[in-house]
Amino acid sequence: MFTLRELADLVNGSVMGDENISISGVSDIRNAKQGTLTFLDGRKYIQYAESTEASALLTDEKDALLETDGILVKNVRVSMAKILEQFNPKSAPEPTIDSTAIIDPGASLGKNISIGPFAVIENDVSIGDNSKIGPHSVIGQGTVIGSNVDIHSGVKIYADCNIGNAITIFSGTVIGADGFGFVTEKDTHIKIPQIGRVVIEDNVEIGANCTIDRGTIGNTIIGTESKLDDQVHIAHNVQIGKGCLFAGHVAIGGSTVIGDYCAFGGKSTATDHVVIGDRSMIAAVSAVMKSVSGGEIYSGRPARKLRDQQKKDAVLTQLSVLKKRLRKLEENS
């Protein structure tokens, strides 16, 4: 339990009202309970500020705190993350290696390693200190895993991958399978050997049921601090910069190069062999089919700068209205 003042100090916020209120937890603004802190992010939720049962409100809208105790902050979501962590501390169980795990004698394990039931660690694997391998996961031959890595159940990492430090990989993800590489001769599809690797740099989070293919000759690279939602597909030889965000069902075609701090909305795609510049934002369900310079929001299929897409949509709307008018004139003539 915390006082409102203690939580405000945690997030560098300003207390509005009674700073000695005791807060026992957090709750959703529409289903809030007495004794909890709730969050209001943006004016579209301000209607709930007066009716919420929460004892206090965290918001960036000063008007919402005129008659309610709370904390005024600059960034609600960042503050919310810090407070949620306080009320949901992660436990650190004693590291154990389950008796059913299969560990090749040629594997190298660091200190304080946990390996769950029926996990498989193949020859020449290296795992750094304080890392955890979940039940039924398989770590392929020659793979290197850094320190403080948390691999959840059922993850499959193929041979010769390089997994950095402080990485989380959720259940069902497959890393290092062959990329989709074929050439066709006389109606026969000939497989191109995929001899590259997957390299995942530090502080990356990969959601459940993602697939990241190994490179054909070079490496597939996921840059430091990048975060992947569930069911994201990264094809062979893709290079992703640092700090990128990928929402669910994003698919990136082979040999695409993505700059730093790019963001992809849900179900958006990029075709193969394109370059996406730094700080590009690809709107949901958009498709990047040619290289873009970055620093812009891109939308549509094919993706264009948002302002260009809006102009195109406006013209199409005007044409549709004009077509209806012409049809009406024809009917009346």
Protein backbone atom coordinates (compact mmCIF):
# COMPACT_ATOMS: atom_id res chain seq x y z
CA MET A 1 0.00 0.00 0.00
CA PHE A 2 1.24 3.49 -0.88
CA THR A 3 0.17 7.05 -0.17
CA LEU A 4 -0.72 9.31 -3.06
CA ARG A 5 2.41 11.35 -2.30
CA GLU A 6 4.67 8.27 -2.55
CA LEU A 7 3.22 7.35 -5.94
CA ALA A 8 3.52 10.95 -7.16
CA ASP A 9 7.19 11.03 -6.16
CA LEU A 10 7.72 7.76 -8.04
CA VAL A 11 6.52 9.31 -11.32
CA ASN A 12 7.66 12.91 -10.72
CA GLY A 13 4.03 14.05 -10.66
CA SER A 14 2.18 16.79 -8.77
CA VAL A 15 -0.40 15.86 -6.13
CA MET A 16 -3.79 17.52 -6.48
CA GLY A 17 -5.85 17.14 -3.30
CA ASP A 18 -5.08 14.96 -0.29
CA GLU A 19 -1.55 13.57 -0.57
CA ASN A 20 -2.08 11.18 2.39
CA ILE A 21 -4.76 9.04 0.74
CA SER A 22 -3.85 5.34 0.97
CA ILE A 23 -3.80 3.50 -2.37
CA SER A 24 -4.02 -0.29 -2.24
CA GLY A 25 -4.07 -1.02 -5.96
CA VAL A 26 -4.98 0.12 -9.47
CA SER A 27 -8.17 -0.28 -11.51
CA ASP A 28 -9.76 0.52 -14.85
CA ILE A 29 -11.51 3.90 -14.89
CA ARG A 30 -14.87 2.40 -15.92
CA ASN A 31 -14.80 -0.35 -13.28
CA ALA A 32 -12.83 1.37 -10.53
CA LYS A 33 -13.06 0.60 -6.82
CA GLN A 34 -12.59 2.59 -3.64
CA GLY A 35 -8.99 2.60 -2.43
CA THR A 36 -7.50 2.31 -5.92
CA LEU A 37 -5.78 4.63 -8.35
CA THR A 38 -7.11 4.80 -11.91
CA PHE A 39 -5.73 6.32 -15.09
CA LEU A 40 -7.15 8.88 -17.50
CA ASP A 41 -5.16 9.17 -20.72
CA GLY A 42 -6.57 11.83 -23.05
CA ARG A 43 -9.71 13.93 -23.09
CA LYS A 44 -11.90 11.23 -24.63
CA TYR A 45 -12.05 9.54 -21.21
CA ILE A 46 -12.61 12.70 -19.18
CA GLN A 47 -16.34 11.92 -19.01
CA TYR A 48 -15.53 9.13 -16.56
CA ALA A 49 -13.57 11.36 -14.17
CA GLU A 50 -16.62 12.50 -12.21
CA SER A 51 -18.36 9.13 -11.99
CA THR A 52 -15.39 6.86 -11.21
CA GLU A 53 -15.36 5.12 -7.82
CA ALA A 54 -11.56 5.28 -7.62
CA SER A 55 -10.05 7.17 -4.70
CA ALA A 56 -7.57 8.97 -6.94
CA LEU A 57 -6.87 9.67 -10.59
CA LEU A 58 -3.60 9.85 -12.54
CA THR A 59 -3.89 12.07 -15.61
CA ASP A 60 -2.32 14.76 -17.77
CA GLU A 61 -5.63 16.70 -17.83
CA LYS A 62 -5.65 19.26 -14.99
CA ASP A 63 -9.38 19.90 -15.47
CA ALA A 64 -10.11 16.31 -14.48
CA LEU A 65 -8.65 16.93 -11.00
CA LEU A 66 -10.69 19.99 -10.04
CA GLU A 67 -12.97 17.95 -7.79
CA THR A 68 -11.00 14.70 -7.51
CA ASP A 69 -7.81 13.76 -5.68
CA GLY A 70 -5.05 12.66 -8.00
CA ILE A 71 -1.66 13.01 -9.61
CA LEU A 72 -0.93 15.32 -12.54
CA VAL A 73 1.82 14.01 -14.86
CA LYS A 74 3.26 14.81 -18.29
CA ASN A 75 3.08 11.27 -19.67
CA VAL A 76 0.25 9.08 -18.40
CA ARG A 77 1.37 5.84 -20.00
CA VAL A 78 4.95 6.00 -18.78
CA SER A 79 3.74 6.86 -15.29
CA MET A 80 1.15 4.08 -15.43
CA ALA A 81 3.85 1.53 -16.31
CA LYS A 82 5.95 2.55 -13.30
CA ILE A 83 3.00 2.38 -10.91
CA LEU A 84 1.73 -0.95 -12.23
CA GLU A 85 5.18 -2.39 -11.63
CA GLN A 86 5.01 -1.31 -7.99
CA PHE A 87 1.73 -3.15 -7.47
CA ASN A 88 2.82 -6.25 -9.38
CA PRO A 89 6.42 -7.00 -8.42
CA LYS A 90 7.98 -9.96 -10.19
CA SER A 91 8.96 -12.85 -7.98
CA ALA A 92 12.36 -14.43 -8.48
CA PRO A 93 12.13 -18.17 -7.74
CA GLU A 94 15.25 -20.11 -6.99
CA PRO A 95 16.97 -21.24 -10.21
CA THR A 96 16.46 -24.93 -10.88
CA ILE A 97 17.26 -27.37 -13.66
CA ASP A 98 14.46 -29.90 -13.99
CA SER A 99 15.45 -33.57 -14.00
CA THR A 100 13.56 -34.19 -17.26
CA ALA A 101 15.50 -31.54 -19.20
CA ILE A 102 17.89 -32.92 -21.82
CA ILE A 103 21.20 -31.05 -21.76
CA ASP A 104 24.05 -32.07 -24.03
CA PRO A 105 27.39 -32.43 -22.21
CA GLY A 106 28.89 -30.01 -24.71
CA ALA A 107 26.60 -27.15 -23.61
CA SER A 108 27.96 -24.34 -21.48
CA LEU A 109 25.70 -22.99 -18.73
CA GLY A 110 26.31 -19.85 -16.68
CA LYS A 111 25.39 -19.18 -13.06
CA ASN A 112 21.82 -19.22 -11.69
CA ILE A 113 20.31 -20.89 -14.75
CA SER A 114 16.74 -22.26 -14.76
CA ILE A 115 15.73 -24.93 -17.26
CA GLY A 116 12.16 -26.22 -17.24
CA PRO A 117 10.70 -29.69 -17.72
CA PHE A 118 11.45 -31.45 -21.02
CA ALA A 119 13.51 -28.57 -22.41
CA VAL A 120 16.28 -29.58 -24.83
CA ILE A 121 19.70 -27.91 -24.90
CA GLU A 122 21.83 -29.19 -27.78
CA ASN A 123 25.60 -29.44 -28.24
CA ASP A 124 27.78 -26.31 -28.14
CA VAL A 125 24.99 -24.11 -26.79
CA SER A 126 26.12 -21.29 -24.47
CA ILE A 127 23.70 -19.73 -21.96
CA GLY A 128 24.67 -16.71 -19.85
CA ASP A 129 24.07 -16.02 -16.17
CA ASN A 130 20.57 -15.65 -14.69
CA SER A 131 18.79 -16.87 -17.83
CA LYS A 132 15.69 -19.04 -17.90
CA ILE A 133 14.64 -21.67 -20.45
CA GLY A 134 10.97 -22.62 -20.19
CA PRO A 135 9.38 -26.07 -20.40
CA HIS A 136 9.46 -27.86 -23.76
CA SER A 137 11.72 -25.25 -25.34
CA VAL A 138 14.48 -26.35 -27.70
CA ILE A 139 17.80 -24.52 -28.09
CA GLY A 140 19.60 -25.65 -31.24
CA GLN A 141 23.25 -26.54 -31.62
CA GLY A 142 25.75 -23.68 -31.48
CA THR A 143 23.26 -21.06 -30.33
CA VAL A 144 24.58 -18.39 -27.97
CA ILE A 145 22.20 -16.93 -25.38
CA GLY A 146 23.25 -14.00 -23.21
CA SER A 147 22.56 -13.13 -19.58
CA ASN A 148 19.17 -12.33 -18.01
CA VAL A 149 17.25 -13.88 -20.89
CA ASP A 150 13.73 -15.20 -20.24
CA ILE A 151 12.61 -17.79 -22.77
CA HIS A 152 9.06 -18.96 -22.10
CA SER A 153 7.59 -22.41 -22.73
CA GLY A 154 7.58 -24.02 -26.15
CA VAL A 155 10.05 -21.67 -27.83
CA LYS A 156 12.14 -23.20 -30.61
CA ILE A 157 15.50 -21.64 -31.44
CA TYR A 158 17.30 -23.31 -34.33
CA ALA A 159 21.05 -23.84 -34.64
CA ASP A 160 23.67 -21.08 -34.59
CA CYS A 161 21.46 -18.19 -33.52
CA ASN A 162 22.79 -15.36 -31.39
CA ILE A 163 20.46 -14.11 -28.64
CA GLY A 164 21.72 -11.07 -26.70
CA ASN A 165 21.20 -9.95 -23.10
CA ALA A 166 18.01 -9.03 -21.20
CA ILE A 167 15.70 -10.51 -23.84
CA THR A 168 12.20 -11.93 -23.32
CA ILE A 169 10.73 -14.43 -25.80
CA PHE A 170 7.15 -15.57 -25.25
CA SER A 171 5.64 -18.99 -25.85
CA GLY A 172 5.44 -20.61 -29.25
CA THR A 173 7.93 -18.37 -31.04
CA VAL A 174 10.26 -19.95 -33.62
CA ILE A 175 13.62 -18.34 -34.33
CA GLY A 176 16.07 -19.40 -37.01
CA ALA A 177 13.93 -21.58 -39.28
CA ASP A 178 14.79 -21.50 -42.97
CA GLY A 179 13.70 -18.48 -44.95
CA PHE A 180 11.38 -18.95 -47.92
CA GLY A 181 14.02 -19.22 -50.62
CA PHE A 182 13.40 -21.10 -53.87
CA VAL A 183 14.35 -20.79 -57.54
CA THR A 184 12.30 -22.42 -60.27
CA GLU A 185 13.75 -24.31 -63.22
CA LYS A 186 11.51 -26.18 -65.67
CA ASP A 187 8.59 -26.04 -63.24
CA THR A 188 10.69 -27.52 -60.45
CA HIS A 189 11.19 -25.47 -57.27
CA ILE A 190 14.77 -25.75 -56.07
CA LYS A 191 15.45 -24.85 -52.45
CA ILE A 192 18.18 -22.28 -51.78
CA PRO A 193 20.19 -23.34 -48.70
CA GLN A 194 19.74 -20.90 -45.84
CA ILE A 195 23.15 -20.70 -44.16
CA GLY A 196 22.90 -17.36 -42.35
CA ARG A 197 21.89 -16.78 -38.75
CA VAL A 198 19.47 -14.79 -36.64
CA VAL A 199 21.03 -12.12 -34.42
CA ILE A 200 18.87 -10.56 -31.73
CA GLU A 201 20.47 -7.65 -29.92
CA ASP A 202 20.02 -6.62 -26.28
CA ASN A 203 16.75 -5.64 -24.54
CA VAL A 204 14.43 -7.01 -27.22
CA GLU A 205 10.98 -8.43 -26.42
CA ILE A 206 9.37 -10.93 -28.78
CA GLY A 207 5.70 -11.85 -28.36
CA ALA A 208 4.00 -15.22 -28.60
CA ASN A 209 3.95 -17.24 -31.82
CA CYS A 210 6.31 -15.02 -33.78
CA THR A 211 8.57 -16.35 -36.54
CA ILE A 212 11.98 -14.94 -37.36
CA ASP A 213 13.74 -16.67 -40.26
CA ARG A 214 17.48 -17.10 -40.56
CA GLY A 215 19.40 -15.32 -43.30
CA THR A 216 20.18 -16.91 -46.63
CA ILE A 217 23.87 -15.96 -46.53
CA GLY A 218 24.03 -12.94 -44.21
CA ASN A 219 22.11 -12.54 -40.97
CA THR A 220 18.60 -11.56 -39.99
CA ILE A 221 19.07 -8.84 -37.35
CA ILE A 222 16.67 -7.48 -34.71
CA GLY A 223 18.10 -4.27 -33.27
CA THR A 224 18.46 -3.42 -29.60
CA GLU A 225 15.34 -2.28 -27.68
CA SER A 226 12.95 -3.38 -30.46
CA LYS A 227 9.63 -4.91 -29.38
CA LEU A 228 7.49 -7.39 -31.32
CA ASP A 229 3.84 -8.10 -30.55
CA ASP A 230 2.32 -11.58 -31.00
CA GLN A 231 2.26 -13.31 -34.41
CA VAL A 232 4.80 -11.11 -36.16
CA HIS A 233 6.74 -12.57 -39.10
CA ILE A 234 10.25 -11.40 -39.98
CA ALA A 235 11.61 -12.98 -43.18
CA HIS A 236 15.19 -13.89 -44.06
CA ASN A 237 17.93 -11.24 -44.18
CA VAL A 238 15.72 -8.50 -42.73
CA GLN A 239 17.68 -5.88 -40.82
CA ILE A 240 15.78 -4.00 -38.12
CA GLY A 241 17.28 -0.99 -36.36
CA LYS A 242 17.04 -0.09 -32.71
CA GLY A 243 13.90 0.83 -30.81
CA CYS A 244 11.37 -0.39 -33.41
CA LEU A 245 7.80 -1.43 -32.56
CA PHE A 246 5.74 -4.06 -34.40
CA ALA A 247 2.05 -4.59 -33.60
CA GLY A 248 0.31 -7.94 -34.09
CA HIS A 249 0.25 -9.69 -37.49
CA VAL A 250 2.93 -7.49 -39.06
CA ALA A 251 4.84 -9.27 -41.85
CA ILE A 252 8.18 -8.04 -43.19
CA GLY A 253 9.43 -9.42 -46.52
CA GLY A 254 12.94 -10.75 -47.09
CA SER A 255 16.00 -8.47 -47.25
CA THR A 256 14.07 -5.39 -46.16
CA VAL A 257 16.09 -2.84 -44.19
CA ILE A 258 14.24 -0.95 -41.43
CA GLY A 259 15.82 2.06 -39.74
CA ASP A 260 15.80 3.10 -36.09
CA TYR A 261 12.65 3.87 -34.08
CA CYS A 262 10.15 2.79 -36.72
CA ALA A 263 6.62 1.68 -35.76
CA PHE A 264 4.32 -0.69 -37.66
CA GLY A 265 0.57 -0.79 -36.95
CA GLY A 266 -1.35 -4.06 -36.80
CA LYS A 267 -1.53 -6.15 -39.98
CA SER A 268 0.78 -3.80 -41.87
CA THR A 269 3.36 -5.27 -44.22
CA ALA A 270 6.51 -4.45 -46.13
CA THR A 271 7.43 -6.22 -49.34
CA ASP A 272 10.90 -7.62 -49.89
CA HIS A 273 14.05 -5.59 -50.68
CA VAL A 274 12.75 -2.17 -49.61
CA VAL A 275 14.42 0.36 -47.32
CA ILE A 276 12.33 2.05 -44.63
CA GLY A 277 13.96 5.15 -43.18
CA ASP A 278 14.39 6.08 -39.53
CA ARG A 279 11.29 7.02 -37.52
CA SER A 280 8.82 5.85 -40.12
CA MET A 281 5.31 5.15 -38.84
CA ILE A 282 3.37 2.64 -40.91
CA ALA A 283 -0.38 2.82 -40.27
CA ALA A 284 -2.39 -0.34 -39.57
CA VAL A 285 -3.22 -2.54 -42.59
CA SER A 286 -0.85 -0.54 -44.82
CA ALA A 287 1.61 -2.09 -47.27
CA VAL A 288 5.04 -0.62 -47.98
CA MET A 289 5.82 -1.62 -51.57
CA LYS A 290 8.69 0.74 -52.31
CA SER A 291 11.38 2.39 -50.22
CA VAL A 292 10.40 5.35 -48.03
CA SER A 293 12.73 8.00 -46.63
CA GLY A 294 11.37 8.05 -43.07
CA GLY A 295 10.35 10.68 -40.56
CA GLU A 296 6.74 10.48 -41.80
CA ILE A 297 3.48 8.62 -41.26
CA TYR A 298 2.71 6.31 -44.19
CA SER A 299 -0.71 4.89 -44.93
CA GLY A 300 -2.54 2.85 -47.56
CA ARG A 301 -1.87 0.01 -49.97
CA PRO A 302 0.57 0.90 -51.41
CA ALA A 303 1.71 3.06 -48.50
CA ARG A 304 2.15 6.78 -49.19
CA LYS A 305 2.85 9.74 -46.96
CA LEU A 306 -0.29 10.26 -44.93
CA ARG A 307 -0.94 13.75 -46.29
CA ASP A 308 -0.64 12.44 -49.87
CA GLN A 309 -2.98 9.56 -49.04
CA GLN A 310 -5.49 12.01 -47.56
CA LYS A 311 -5.37 14.12 -50.74
CA LYS A 312 -5.97 11.01 -52.83
CA ASP A 313 -8.90 9.98 -50.63
CA ALA A 314 -10.38 13.48 -50.90
CA VAL A 315 -10.20 13.36 -54.71
CA LEU A 316 -11.82 9.91 -54.77
CA THR A 317 -14.60 11.19 -52.51
CA GLN A 318 -15.19 14.16 -54.83
CA LEU A 319 -15.28 11.85 -57.87
CA SER A 320 -17.81 9.62 -56.12
CA VAL A 321 -20.04 12.62 -55.35
CA LEU A 322 -19.69 13.86 -58.93
CA LYS A 323 -20.62 10.42 -60.27
CA LYS A 324 -23.80 10.37 -58.19
CA ARG A 325 -24.74 13.84 -59.44
CA LEU A 326 -24.22 12.84 -63.08
CA ARG A 327 -26.29 9.71 -62.56
CA LYS A 328 -29.09 11.79 -61.04
CA LEU A 329 -28.97 14.24 -63.95
CA GLU A 330 -29.22 11.34 -66.41
CA GLU A 331 -32.21 9.94 -64.56
CA ASN A 332 -33.98 13.31 -64.61
CA SER A 333 -33.22 14.10 -68.25
